[in-house]
Amino acid sequence: MAALLGKAQADGGLVVCAPVYAELLAHPKATRKFVDEFLTRTNVTIEFLFDEEAWHEAAQAFAQYAQRRRKSGGAIPKRFLADFMVGAHAWIRADRLFTLDKTRYDRSFPKLRLLP
């Protein structure tokens, strides 16, 4: 994992959006000081603002997901808007998304390059 993050950093830097930052802070052992220092030490930038294009992209993907969920009778696991904001942010502001749950993003953002 560390090697993959190091390669991604060498390939052009790392950025997290606000929902990812909030999720990092939600870890039971995390503190704001720890998370902020870790991101600073690893040269990860936090982008707190989402532009209009990101909101449109996230809304479209979320609407398509909601339609699939309704058609399936609710069999698809429930997801949150924040998941779609993460995917839209990566699609618009980055060239890839590092995720441990590729299935969360591959259907809604099929052209987004997912790592690992």
PDB file of N, CA and C in Angstrom:
ATOM      1  N   MET A   1       0.833  -1.191   0.000  1.00  0.00           N
ATOM      2  CA  MET A   1       0.000   0.000   0.000  1.00  0.00           C
ATOM      3  C   MET A   1       0.877   1.254   0.000  1.00  0.00           C
ATOM      4  N   ALA A   2       1.879   1.292   0.872  1.00  0.00           N
ATOM      5  CA  ALA A   2       2.753   2.456   0.957  1.00  0.00           C
ATOM      6  C   ALA A   2       3.497   2.673  -0.360  1.00  0.00           C
ATOM      7  N   ALA A   3       3.924   1.580  -0.990  1.00  0.00           N
ATOM      8  CA  ALA A   3       4.633   1.698  -2.264  1.00  0.00           C
ATOM      9  C   ALA A   3       3.727   2.274  -3.342  1.00  0.00           C
ATOM     10  N   LEU A   4       2.475   1.849  -3.357  1.00  0.00           N
ATOM     11  CA  LEU A   4       1.517   2.355  -4.341  1.00  0.00           C
ATOM     12  C   LEU A   4       1.245   3.842  -4.126  1.00  0.00           C
ATOM     13  N   LEU A   5       1.101   4.239  -2.878  1.00  0.00           N
ATOM     14  CA  LEU A   5       0.910   5.662  -2.576  1.00  0.00           C
ATOM     15  C   LEU A   5       2.144   6.467  -2.957  1.00  0.00           C
ATOM     16  N   GLY A   6       3.322   5.906  -2.689  1.00  0.00           N
ATOM     17  CA  GLY A   6       4.565   6.588  -3.072  1.00  0.00           C
ATOM     18  C   GLY A   6       4.663   6.767  -4.573  1.00  0.00           C
ATOM     19  N   LYS A   7       4.297   5.744  -5.334  1.00  0.00           N
ATOM     20  CA  LYS A   7       4.314   5.851  -6.798  1.00  0.00           C
ATOM     21  C   LYS A   7       3.310   6.887  -7.272  1.00  0.00           C
ATOM     22  N   ALA A   8       2.119   6.892  -6.677  1.00  0.00           N
ATOM     23  CA  ALA A   8       1.110   7.882  -7.061  1.00  0.00           C
ATOM     24  C   ALA A   8       1.613   9.289  -6.775  1.00  0.00           C
ATOM     25  N   GLN A   9       2.284   9.470  -5.654  1.00  0.00           N
ATOM     26  CA  GLN A   9       2.849  10.781  -5.305  1.00  0.00           C
ATOM     27  C   GLN A   9       3.886  11.201  -6.347  1.00  0.00           C
ATOM     28  N   ALA A  10       4.736  10.268  -6.741  1.00  0.00           N
ATOM     29  CA  ALA A  10       5.769  10.565  -7.747  1.00  0.00           C
ATOM     30  C   ALA A  10       5.156  10.861  -9.106  1.00  0.00           C
ATOM     31  N   ASP A  11       4.005  10.283  -9.399  1.00  0.00           N
ATOM     32  CA  ASP A  11       3.344  10.479 -10.688  1.00  0.00           C
ATOM     33  C   ASP A  11       2.592  11.798 -10.794  1.00  0.00           C
ATOM     34  N   GLY A  12       2.510  12.557  -9.721  1.00  0.00           N
ATOM     35  CA  GLY A  12       1.836  13.834  -9.862  1.00  0.00           C
ATOM     36  C   GLY A  12       1.136  14.360  -8.632  1.00  0.00           C
ATOM     37  N   GLY A  13       1.379  13.821  -7.513  1.00  0.00           N
ATOM     38  CA  GLY A  13       0.799  14.367  -6.298  1.00  0.00           C
ATOM     39  C   GLY A  13      -0.500  13.708  -5.910  1.00  0.00           C
ATOM     40  N   LEU A  14      -0.903  13.980  -4.687  1.00  0.00           N
ATOM     41  CA  LEU A  14      -2.115  13.384  -4.130  1.00  0.00           C
ATOM     42  C   LEU A  14      -3.029  14.465  -3.580  1.00  0.00           C
ATOM     43  N   VAL A  15      -4.313  14.233  -3.735  1.00  0.00           N
ATOM     44  CA  VAL A  15      -5.307  15.177  -3.234  1.00  0.00           C
ATOM     45  C   VAL A  15      -6.485  14.390  -2.670  1.00  0.00           C
ATOM     46  N   VAL A  16      -7.044  14.880  -1.585  1.00  0.00           N
ATOM     47  CA  VAL A  16      -8.287  14.316  -1.058  1.00  0.00           C
ATOM     48  C   VAL A  16      -9.315  15.429  -1.036  1.00  0.00           C
ATOM     49  N   CYS A  17     -10.571  15.039  -1.226  1.00  0.00           N
ATOM     50  CA  CYS A  17     -11.645  16.016  -1.151  1.00  0.00           C
ATOM     51  C   CYS A  17     -12.222  16.017   0.260  1.00  0.00           C
ATOM     52  N   ALA A  18     -13.057  16.988   0.544  1.00  0.00           N
ATOM     53  CA  ALA A  18     -13.594  17.183   1.890  1.00  0.00           C
ATOM     54  C   ALA A  18     -14.268  15.937   2.470  1.00  0.00           C
ATOM     55  N   PRO A  19     -15.092  15.190   1.705  1.00  0.00           N
ATOM     56  CA  PRO A  19     -15.692  13.995   2.300  1.00  0.00           C
ATOM     57  C   PRO A  19     -14.660  12.953   2.747  1.00  0.00           C
ATOM     58  N   VAL A  20     -13.583  12.810   2.002  1.00  0.00           N
ATOM     59  CA  VAL A  20     -12.532  11.870   2.398  1.00  0.00           C
ATOM     60  C   VAL A  20     -11.857  12.358   3.674  1.00  0.00           C
ATOM     61  N   TYR A  21     -11.589  13.643   3.752  1.00  0.00           N
ATOM     62  CA  TYR A  21     -11.005  14.217   4.966  1.00  0.00           C
ATOM     63  C   TYR A  21     -11.918  13.938   6.164  1.00  0.00           C
ATOM     64  N   ALA A  22     -13.211  14.133   5.998  1.00  0.00           N
ATOM     65  CA  ALA A  22     -14.163  13.870   7.082  1.00  0.00           C
ATOM     66  C   ALA A  22     -14.155  12.392   7.466  1.00  0.00           C
ATOM     67  N   GLU A  23     -14.054  11.505   6.485  1.00  0.00           N
ATOM     68  CA  GLU A  23     -14.005  10.076   6.786  1.00  0.00           C
ATOM     69  C   GLU A  23     -12.732   9.709   7.544  1.00  0.00           C
ATOM     70  N   LEU A  24     -11.616  10.344   7.183  1.00  0.00           N
ATOM     71  CA  LEU A  24     -10.374  10.099   7.925  1.00  0.00           C
ATOM     72  C   LEU A  24     -10.519  10.509   9.386  1.00  0.00           C
ATOM     73  N   LEU A  25     -11.155  11.642   9.614  1.00  0.00           N
ATOM     74  CA  LEU A  25     -11.360  12.114  10.986  1.00  0.00           C
ATOM     75  C   LEU A  25     -12.331  11.229  11.768  1.00  0.00           C
ATOM     76  N   ALA A  26     -13.169  10.478  11.074  1.00  0.00           N
ATOM     77  CA  ALA A  26     -14.155   9.636  11.736  1.00  0.00           C
ATOM     78  C   ALA A  26     -13.555   8.341  12.289  1.00  0.00           C
ATOM     79  N   HIS A  27     -12.331   8.039  11.909  1.00  0.00           N
ATOM     80  CA  HIS A  27     -11.701   6.825  12.444  1.00  0.00           C
ATOM     81  C   HIS A  27     -11.633   6.941  13.963  1.00  0.00           C
ATOM     82  N   PRO A  28     -11.933   5.859  14.688  1.00  0.00           N
ATOM     83  CA  PRO A  28     -12.012   5.942  16.151  1.00  0.00           C
ATOM     84  C   PRO A  28     -10.738   6.438  16.839  1.00  0.00           C
ATOM     85  N   LYS A  29      -9.577   6.196  16.230  1.00  0.00           N
ATOM     86  CA  LYS A  29      -8.320   6.616  16.868  1.00  0.00           C
ATOM     87  C   LYS A  29      -7.747   7.898  16.277  1.00  0.00           C
ATOM     88  N   ALA A  30      -8.451   8.493  15.321  1.00  0.00           N
ATOM     89  CA  ALA A  30      -7.938   9.684  14.649  1.00  0.00           C
ATOM     90  C   ALA A  30      -8.268  10.943  15.440  1.00  0.00           C
ATOM     91  N   THR A  31      -7.340  11.876  15.374  1.00  0.00           N
ATOM     92  CA  THR A  31      -7.588  13.228  15.863  1.00  0.00           C
ATOM     93  C   THR A  31      -7.333  14.168  14.703  1.00  0.00           C
ATOM     94  N   ARG A  32      -7.870  15.350  14.792  1.00  0.00           N
ATOM     95  CA  ARG A  32      -7.644  16.325  13.720  1.00  0.00           C
ATOM     96  C   ARG A  32      -6.154  16.617  13.586  1.00  0.00           C
ATOM     97  N   LYS A  33      -5.479  16.763  14.692  1.00  0.00           N
ATOM     98  CA  LYS A  33      -4.040  17.048  14.667  1.00  0.00           C
ATOM     99  C   LYS A  33      -3.286  15.930  13.945  1.00  0.00           C
ATOM    100  N   PHE A  34      -3.586  14.676  14.284  1.00  0.00           N
ATOM    101  CA  PHE A  34      -2.915  13.548  13.645  1.00  0.00           C
ATOM    102  C   PHE A  34      -3.170  13.537  12.141  1.00  0.00           C
ATOM    103  N   VAL A  35      -4.442  13.662  11.737  1.00  0.00           N
ATOM    104  CA  VAL A  35      -4.798  13.611  10.314  1.00  0.00           C
ATOM    105  C   VAL A  35      -4.138  14.770   9.569  1.00  0.00           C
ATOM    106  N   ASP A  36      -4.227  15.979  10.116  1.00  0.00           N
ATOM    107  CA  ASP A  36      -3.622  17.141   9.462  1.00  0.00           C
ATOM    108  C   ASP A  36      -2.103  16.979   9.320  1.00  0.00           C
ATOM    109  N   GLU A  37      -1.456  16.512  10.366  1.00  0.00           N
ATOM    110  CA  GLU A  37       0.000  16.321  10.308  1.00  0.00           C
ATOM    111  C   GLU A  37       0.368  15.215   9.324  1.00  0.00           C
ATOM    112  N   PHE A  38      -0.396  14.142   9.300  1.00  0.00           N
ATOM    113  CA  PHE A  38      -0.138  13.058   8.355  1.00  0.00           C
ATOM    114  C   PHE A  38      -0.259  13.560   6.915  1.00  0.00           C
ATOM    115  N   LEU A  39      -1.333  14.272   6.614  1.00  0.00           N
ATOM    116  CA  LEU A  39      -1.527  14.777   5.251  1.00  0.00           C
ATOM    117  C   LEU A  39      -0.434  15.772   4.870  1.00  0.00           C
ATOM    118  N   THR A  40      -0.038  16.602   5.795  1.00  0.00           N
ATOM    119  CA  THR A  40       1.042  17.559   5.532  1.00  0.00           C
ATOM    120  C   THR A  40       2.358  16.817   5.292  1.00  0.00           C
ATOM    121  N   ARG A  41       2.669  15.870   6.157  1.00  0.00           N
ATOM    122  CA  ARG A  41       3.925  15.116   6.059  1.00  0.00           C
ATOM    123  C   ARG A  41       4.006  14.313   4.766  1.00  0.00           C
ATOM    124  N   THR A  42       2.876  13.842   4.274  1.00  0.00           N
ATOM    125  CA  THR A  42       2.862  13.034   3.051  1.00  0.00           C
ATOM    126  C   THR A  42       2.532  13.856   1.809  1.00  0.00           C
ATOM    127  N   ASN A  43       2.489  15.174   1.974  1.00  0.00           N
ATOM    128  CA  ASN A  43       2.230  16.086   0.849  1.00  0.00           C
ATOM    129  C   ASN A  43       0.904  15.820   0.150  1.00  0.00           C
ATOM    130  N   VAL A  44      -0.121  15.520   0.928  1.00  0.00           N
ATOM    131  CA  VAL A  44      -1.462  15.325   0.387  1.00  0.00           C
ATOM    132  C   VAL A  44      -2.237  16.622   0.587  1.00  0.00           C
ATOM    133  N   THR A  45      -2.766  17.144  -0.491  1.00  0.00           N
ATOM    134  CA  THR A  45      -3.532  18.382  -0.459  1.00  0.00           C
ATOM    135  C   THR A  45      -5.003  18.066  -0.185  1.00  0.00           C
ATOM    136  N   ILE A  46      -5.658  18.932   0.574  1.00  0.00           N
ATOM    137  CA  ILE A  46      -7.093  18.794   0.818  1.00  0.00           C
ATOM    138  C   ILE A  46      -7.815  19.853  -0.003  1.00  0.00           C
ATOM    139  N   GLU A  47      -8.794  19.438  -0.785  1.00  0.00           N
ATOM    140  CA  GLU A  47      -9.634  20.382  -1.516  1.00  0.00           C
ATOM    141  C   GLU A  47     -11.004  20.398  -0.849  1.00  0.00           C
ATOM    142  N   PHE A  48     -11.328  21.509  -0.220  1.00  0.00           N
ATOM    143  CA  PHE A  48     -12.585  21.620   0.509  1.00  0.00           C
ATOM    144  C   PHE A  48     -13.741  22.094  -0.372  1.00  0.00           C
ATOM    145  N   LEU A  49     -13.441  22.727  -1.484  1.00  0.00           N
ATOM    146  CA  LEU A  49     -14.500  23.288  -2.329  1.00  0.00           C
ATOM    147  C   LEU A  49     -14.783  22.383  -3.527  1.00  0.00           C
ATOM    148  N   PHE A  50     -16.053  22.286  -3.874  1.00  0.00           N
ATOM    149  CA  PHE A  50     -16.481  21.564  -5.068  1.00  0.00           C
ATOM    150  C   PHE A  50     -17.067  22.580  -6.036  1.00  0.00           C
ATOM    151  N   ASP A  51     -16.605  22.542  -7.268  1.00  0.00           N
ATOM    152  CA  ASP A  51     -17.165  23.469  -8.244  1.00  0.00           C
ATOM    153  C   ASP A  51     -18.466  22.902  -8.822  1.00  0.00           C
ATOM    154  N   GLU A  52     -19.110  23.720  -9.619  1.00  0.00           N
ATOM    155  CA  GLU A  52     -20.416  23.353 -10.173  1.00  0.00           C
ATOM    156  C   GLU A  52     -20.345  22.075 -11.002  1.00  0.00           C
ATOM    157  N   GLU A  53     -19.289  21.916 -11.771  1.00  0.00           N
ATOM    158  CA  GLU A  53     -19.149  20.715 -12.611  1.00  0.00           C
ATOM    159  C   GLU A  53     -19.116  19.448 -11.758  1.00  0.00           C
ATOM    160  N   ALA A  54     -18.416  19.492 -10.636  1.00  0.00           N
ATOM    161  CA  ALA A  54     -18.348  18.320  -9.754  1.00  0.00           C
ATOM    162  C   ALA A  54     -19.729  17.986  -9.194  1.00  0.00           C
ATOM    163  N   TRP A  55     -20.473  19.017  -8.799  1.00  0.00           N
ATOM    164  CA  TRP A  55     -21.823  18.776  -8.282  1.00  0.00           C
ATOM    165  C   TRP A  55     -22.725  18.169  -9.352  1.00  0.00           C
ATOM    166  N   HIS A  56     -22.629  18.663 -10.590  1.00  0.00           N
ATOM    167  CA  HIS A  56     -23.440  18.105 -11.671  1.00  0.00           C
ATOM    168  C   HIS A  56     -23.079  16.641 -11.929  1.00  0.00           C
ATOM    169  N   GLU A  57     -21.791  16.352 -11.974  1.00  0.00           N
ATOM    170  CA  GLU A  57     -21.331  14.984 -12.223  1.00  0.00           C
ATOM    171  C   GLU A  57     -21.796  14.047 -11.106  1.00  0.00           C
ATOM    172  N   ALA A  58     -21.642  14.486  -9.861  1.00  0.00           N
ATOM    173  CA  ALA A  58     -22.076  13.675  -8.722  1.00  0.00           C
ATOM    174  C   ALA A  58     -23.593  13.472  -8.737  1.00  0.00           C
ATOM    175  N   ALA A  59     -24.327  14.533  -9.042  1.00  0.00           N
ATOM    176  CA  ALA A  59     -25.794  14.439  -9.071  1.00  0.00           C
ATOM    177  C   ALA A  59     -26.249  13.458 -10.136  1.00  0.00           C
ATOM    178  N   GLN A  60     -25.629  13.511 -11.292  1.00  0.00           N
ATOM    179  CA  GLN A  60     -25.996  12.595 -12.387  1.00  0.00           C
ATOM    180  C   GLN A  60     -25.722  11.148 -11.982  1.00  0.00           C
ATOM    181  N   ALA A  61     -24.553  10.886 -11.439  1.00  0.00           N
ATOM    182  CA  ALA A  61     -24.200   9.528 -11.034  1.00  0.00           C
ATOM    183  C   ALA A  61     -25.106   9.044  -9.905  1.00  0.00           C
ATOM    184  N   PHE A  62     -25.413   9.919  -8.956  1.00  0.00           N
ATOM    185  CA  PHE A  62     -26.278   9.556  -7.835  1.00  0.00           C
ATOM    186  C   PHE A  62     -27.698   9.267  -8.317  1.00  0.00           C
ATOM    187  N   ALA A  63     -28.190  10.071  -9.254  1.00  0.00           N
ATOM    188  CA  ALA A  63     -29.527   9.852  -9.807  1.00  0.00           C
ATOM    189  C   ALA A  63     -29.601   8.518 -10.544  1.00  0.00           C
ATOM    190  N   GLN A  64     -28.575   8.188 -11.312  1.00  0.00           N
ATOM    191  CA  GLN A  64     -28.556   6.908 -12.017  1.00  0.00           C
ATOM    192  C   GLN A  64     -28.517   5.743 -11.023  1.00  0.00           C
ATOM    193  N   TYR A  65     -27.727   5.901  -9.973  1.00  0.00           N
ATOM    194  CA  TYR A  65     -27.673   4.885  -8.925  1.00  0.00           C
ATOM    195  C   TYR A  65     -29.052   4.705  -8.280  1.00  0.00           C
ATOM    196  N   ALA A  66     -29.699   5.814  -7.924  1.00  0.00           N
ATOM    197  CA  ALA A  66     -31.014   5.753  -7.275  1.00  0.00           C
ATOM    198  C   ALA A  66     -32.023   5.048  -8.182  1.00  0.00           C
ATOM    199  N   GLN A  67     -31.947   5.308  -9.474  1.00  0.00           N
ATOM    200  CA  GLN A  67     -32.853   4.657 -10.421  1.00  0.00           C
ATOM    201  C   GLN A  67     -32.583   3.147 -10.456  1.00  0.00           C
ATOM    202  N   ARG A  68     -31.307   2.750 -10.497  1.00  0.00           N
ATOM    203  CA  ARG A  68     -30.968   1.325 -10.481  1.00  0.00           C
ATOM    204  C   ARG A  68     -31.466   0.670  -9.189  1.00  0.00           C
ATOM    205  N   ARG A  69     -31.299   1.369  -8.084  1.00  0.00           N
ATOM    206  CA  ARG A  69     -31.714   0.836  -6.778  1.00  0.00           C
ATOM    207  C   ARG A  69     -33.233   0.612  -6.740  1.00  0.00           C
ATOM    208  N   ARG A  70     -33.985   1.590  -7.224  1.00  0.00           N
ATOM    209  CA  ARG A  70     -35.451   1.456  -7.238  1.00  0.00           C
ATOM    210  C   ARG A  70     -35.883   0.281  -8.130  1.00  0.00           C
ATOM    211  N   LYS A  71     -35.251   0.159  -9.302  1.00  0.00           N
ATOM    212  CA  LYS A  71     -35.608  -0.921 -10.223  1.00  0.00           C
ATOM    213  C   LYS A  71     -35.281  -2.289  -9.643  1.00  0.00           C
ATOM    214  N   SER A  72     -34.257  -2.355  -8.819  1.00  0.00           N
ATOM    215  CA  SER A  72     -33.842  -3.640  -8.253  1.00  0.00           C
ATOM    216  C   SER A  72     -34.651  -4.019  -7.016  1.00  0.00           C
ATOM    217  N   GLY A  73     -35.528  -3.143  -6.606  1.00  0.00           N
ATOM    218  CA  GLY A  73     -36.295  -3.410  -5.398  1.00  0.00           C
ATOM    219  C   GLY A  73     -35.491  -3.181  -4.134  1.00  0.00           C
ATOM    220  N   GLY A  74     -34.418  -2.438  -4.262  1.00  0.00           N
ATOM    221  CA  GLY A  74     -33.593  -2.121  -3.091  1.00  0.00           C
ATOM    222  C   GLY A  74     -32.511  -3.139  -2.813  1.00  0.00           C
ATOM    223  N   ALA A  75     -32.271  -4.063  -3.745  1.00  0.00           N
ATOM    224  CA  ALA A  75     -31.272  -5.109  -3.521  1.00  0.00           C
ATOM    225  C   ALA A  75     -29.835  -4.582  -3.547  1.00  0.00           C
ATOM    226  N   ILE A  76     -29.621  -3.490  -4.229  1.00  0.00           N
ATOM    227  CA  ILE A  76     -28.281  -2.903  -4.287  1.00  0.00           C
ATOM    228  C   ILE A  76     -28.003  -2.218  -2.949  1.00  0.00           C
ATOM    229  N   PRO A  77     -26.812  -2.390  -2.383  1.00  0.00           N
ATOM    230  CA  PRO A  77     -26.514  -1.743  -1.099  1.00  0.00           C
ATOM    231  C   PRO A  77     -26.700  -0.232  -1.165  1.00  0.00           C
ATOM    232  N   LYS A  78     -27.216   0.326  -0.090  1.00  0.00           N
ATOM    233  CA  LYS A  78     -27.453   1.766  -0.025  1.00  0.00           C
ATOM    234  C   LYS A  78     -26.124   2.513   0.029  1.00  0.00           C
ATOM    235  N   ARG A  79     -26.037   3.552  -0.769  1.00  0.00           N
ATOM    236  CA  ARG A  79     -24.835   4.384  -0.801  1.00  0.00           C
ATOM    237  C   ARG A  79     -25.212   5.815  -0.487  1.00  0.00           C
ATOM    238  N   PHE A  80     -24.221   6.602  -0.147  1.00  0.00           N
ATOM    239  CA  PHE A  80     -24.433   7.984   0.243  1.00  0.00           C
ATOM    240  C   PHE A  80     -23.964   8.941  -0.847  1.00  0.00           C
ATOM    241  N   LEU A  81     -24.537  10.127  -0.869  1.00  0.00           N
ATOM    242  CA  LEU A  81     -24.134  11.151  -1.830  1.00  0.00           C
ATOM    243  C   LEU A  81     -22.632  11.423  -1.752  1.00  0.00           C
ATOM    244  N   ALA A  82     -22.065  11.353  -0.560  1.00  0.00           N
ATOM    245  CA  ALA A  82     -20.625  11.615  -0.397  1.00  0.00           C
ATOM    246  C   ALA A  82     -19.786  10.690  -1.277  1.00  0.00           C
ATOM    247  N   ASP A  83     -20.207   9.435  -1.455  1.00  0.00           N
ATOM    248  CA  ASP A  83     -19.481   8.518  -2.338  1.00  0.00           C
ATOM    249  C   ASP A  83     -19.408   9.068  -3.755  1.00  0.00           C
ATOM    250  N   PHE A  84     -20.493   9.665  -4.194  1.00  0.00           N
ATOM    251  CA  PHE A  84     -20.554  10.195  -5.552  1.00  0.00           C
ATOM    252  C   PHE A  84     -19.759  11.499  -5.672  1.00  0.00           C
ATOM    253  N   MET A  85     -19.687  12.252  -4.591  1.00  0.00           N
ATOM    254  CA  MET A  85     -18.855  13.464  -4.590  1.00  0.00           C
ATOM    255  C   MET A  85     -17.382  13.074  -4.693  1.00  0.00           C
ATOM    256  N   VAL A  86     -16.981  12.021  -3.995  1.00  0.00           N
ATOM    257  CA  VAL A  86     -15.596  11.541  -4.075  1.00  0.00           C
ATOM    258  C   VAL A  86     -15.281  11.120  -5.507  1.00  0.00           C
ATOM    259  N   GLY A  87     -16.167  10.346  -6.112  1.00  0.00           N
ATOM    260  CA  GLY A  87     -15.945   9.906  -7.492  1.00  0.00           C
ATOM    261  C   GLY A  87     -15.927  11.051  -8.477  1.00  0.00           C
ATOM    262  N   ALA A  88     -16.861  11.986  -8.334  1.00  0.00           N
ATOM    263  CA  ALA A  88     -16.905  13.144  -9.238  1.00  0.00           C
ATOM    264  C   ALA A  88     -15.670  14.009  -9.078  1.00  0.00           C
ATOM    265  N   HIS A  89     -15.238  14.209  -7.849  1.00  0.00           N
ATOM    266  CA  HIS A  89     -14.025  15.001  -7.608  1.00  0.00           C
ATOM    267  C   HIS A  89     -12.828  14.355  -8.285  1.00  0.00           C
ATOM    268  N   ALA A  90     -12.684  13.045  -8.135  1.00  0.00           N
ATOM    269  CA  ALA A  90     -11.562  12.348  -8.772  1.00  0.00           C
ATOM    270  C   ALA A  90     -11.649  12.427 -10.292  1.00  0.00           C
ATOM    271  N   TRP A  91     -12.863  12.285 -10.823  1.00  0.00           N
ATOM    272  CA  TRP A  91     -13.056  12.322 -12.272  1.00  0.00           C
ATOM    273  C   TRP A  91     -12.679  13.690 -12.849  1.00  0.00           C
ATOM    274  N   ILE A  92     -13.056  14.746 -12.158  1.00  0.00           N
ATOM    275  CA  ILE A  92     -12.863  16.100 -12.680  1.00  0.00           C
ATOM    276  C   ILE A  92     -11.501  16.692 -12.312  1.00  0.00           C
ATOM    277  N   ARG A  93     -11.043  16.458 -11.098  1.00  0.00           N
ATOM    278  CA  ARG A  93      -9.859  17.147 -10.585  1.00  0.00           C
ATOM    279  C   ARG A  93      -8.595  16.291 -10.552  1.00  0.00           C
ATOM    280  N   ALA A  94      -8.733  14.985 -10.821  1.00  0.00           N
ATOM    281  CA  ALA A  94      -7.568  14.098 -10.764  1.00  0.00           C
ATOM    282  C   ALA A  94      -7.606  13.155 -11.961  1.00  0.00           C
ATOM    283  N   ASP A  95      -6.613  12.318 -12.071  1.00  0.00           N
ATOM    284  CA  ASP A  95      -6.611  11.376 -13.184  1.00  0.00           C
ATOM    285  C   ASP A  95      -6.830   9.944 -12.729  1.00  0.00           C
ATOM    286  N   ARG A  96      -7.083   9.766 -11.417  1.00  0.00           N
ATOM    287  CA  ARG A  96      -7.317   8.431 -10.886  1.00  0.00           C
ATOM    288  C   ARG A  96      -7.848   8.543  -9.457  1.00  0.00           C
ATOM    289  N   LEU A  97      -8.350   7.414  -8.960  1.00  0.00           N
ATOM    290  CA  LEU A  97      -8.863   7.367  -7.590  1.00  0.00           C
ATOM    291  C   LEU A  97      -8.265   6.158  -6.900  1.00  0.00           C
ATOM    292  N   PHE A  98      -7.631   6.388  -5.784  1.00  0.00           N
ATOM    293  CA  PHE A  98      -7.118   5.302  -4.962  1.00  0.00           C
ATOM    294  C   PHE A  98      -8.228   4.892  -4.010  1.00  0.00           C
ATOM    295  N   THR A  99      -8.660   3.646  -4.097  1.00  0.00           N
ATOM    296  CA  THR A  99      -9.756   3.169  -3.259  1.00  0.00           C
ATOM    297  C   THR A  99      -9.552   1.706  -2.906  1.00  0.00           C
ATOM    298  N   LEU A 100     -10.005   1.343  -1.741  1.00  0.00           N
ATOM    299  CA  LEU A 100      -9.976  -0.059  -1.340  1.00  0.00           C
ATOM    300  C   LEU A 100     -11.269  -0.762  -1.730  1.00  0.00           C
ATOM    301  N   ASP A 101     -12.203  -0.031  -2.311  1.00  0.00           N
ATOM    302  CA  ASP A 101     -13.497  -0.583  -2.716  1.00  0.00           C
ATOM    303  C   ASP A 101     -13.811  -0.154  -4.150  1.00  0.00           C
ATOM    304  N   LYS A 102     -13.157  -0.816  -5.096  1.00  0.00           N
ATOM    305  CA  LYS A 102     -13.338  -0.453  -6.503  1.00  0.00           C
ATOM    306  C   LYS A 102     -14.773  -0.588  -6.974  1.00  0.00           C
ATOM    307  N   THR A 103     -15.494  -1.570  -6.452  1.00  0.00           N
ATOM    308  CA  THR A 103     -16.868  -1.788  -6.910  1.00  0.00           C
ATOM    309  C   THR A 103     -17.759  -0.602  -6.559  1.00  0.00           C
ATOM    310  N   ARG A 104     -17.375   0.183  -5.576  1.00  0.00           N
ATOM    311  CA  ARG A 104     -18.166   1.354  -5.187  1.00  0.00           C
ATOM    312  C   ARG A 104     -18.168   2.407  -6.292  1.00  0.00           C
ATOM    313  N   TYR A 105     -17.098   2.446  -7.089  1.00  0.00           N
ATOM    314  CA  TYR A 105     -16.948   3.518  -8.077  1.00  0.00           C
ATOM    315  C   TYR A 105     -16.973   3.053  -9.526  1.00  0.00           C
ATOM    316  N   ASP A 106     -16.698   1.800  -9.802  1.00  0.00           N
ATOM    317  CA  ASP A 106     -16.548   1.385 -11.196  1.00  0.00           C
ATOM    318  C   ASP A 106     -17.835   1.482 -12.005  1.00  0.00           C
ATOM    319  N   ARG A 107     -18.969   1.257 -11.406  1.00  0.00           N
ATOM    320  CA  ARG A 107     -20.226   1.328 -12.157  1.00  0.00           C
ATOM    321  C   ARG A 107     -20.663   2.774 -12.395  1.00  0.00           C
ATOM    322  N   SER A 108     -20.484   3.622 -11.394  1.00  0.00           N
ATOM    323  CA  SER A 108     -20.941   5.008 -11.509  1.00  0.00           C
ATOM    324  C   SER A 108     -19.972   5.900 -12.271  1.00  0.00           C
ATOM    325  N   PHE A 109     -18.694   5.536 -12.259  1.00  0.00           N
ATOM    326  CA  PHE A 109     -17.667   6.322 -12.955  1.00  0.00           C
ATOM    327  C   PHE A 109     -16.799   5.379 -13.777  1.00  0.00           C
ATOM    328  N   PRO A 110     -17.366   4.781 -14.830  1.00  0.00           N
ATOM    329  CA  PRO A 110     -16.653   3.735 -15.572  1.00  0.00           C
ATOM    330  C   PRO A 110     -15.376   4.195 -16.261  1.00  0.00           C
ATOM    331  N   LYS A 111     -15.238   5.465 -16.546  1.00  0.00           N
ATOM    332  CA  LYS A 111     -14.034   5.951 -17.219  1.00  0.00           C
ATOM    333  C   LYS A 111     -12.955   6.400 -16.235  1.00  0.00           C
ATOM    334  N   LEU A 112     -13.262   6.401 -14.961  1.00  0.00           N
ATOM    335  CA  LEU A 112     -12.305   6.808 -13.937  1.00  0.00           C
ATOM    336  C   LEU A 112     -11.323   5.685 -13.673  1.00  0.00           C
ATOM    337  N   ARG A 113     -10.037   6.004 -13.720  1.00  0.00           N
ATOM    338  CA  ARG A 113      -9.003   5.008 -13.441  1.00  0.00           C
ATOM    339  C   ARG A 113      -8.949   4.764 -11.936  1.00  0.00           C
ATOM    340  N   LEU A 114      -9.083   3.504 -11.545  1.00  0.00           N
ATOM    341  CA  LEU A 114      -9.111   3.150 -10.129  1.00  0.00           C
ATOM    342  C   LEU A 114      -7.852   2.412  -9.733  1.00  0.00           C
ATOM    343  N   LEU A 115      -7.294   2.754  -8.594  1.00  0.00           N
ATOM    344  CA  LEU A 115      -6.124   2.095  -8.041  1.00  0.00           C
ATOM    345  C   LEU A 115      -6.503   1.517  -6.691  1.00  0.00           C
ATOM    346  N   PRO A 116      -5.944   0.469  -6.200  1.00  0.00           N
ATOM    347  CA  PRO A 116      -4.966  -0.386  -6.888  1.00  0.00           C
ATOM    348  C   PRO A 116      -5.637  -1.333  -7.867  1.00  0.00           C
TER     349      PRO A 116
END
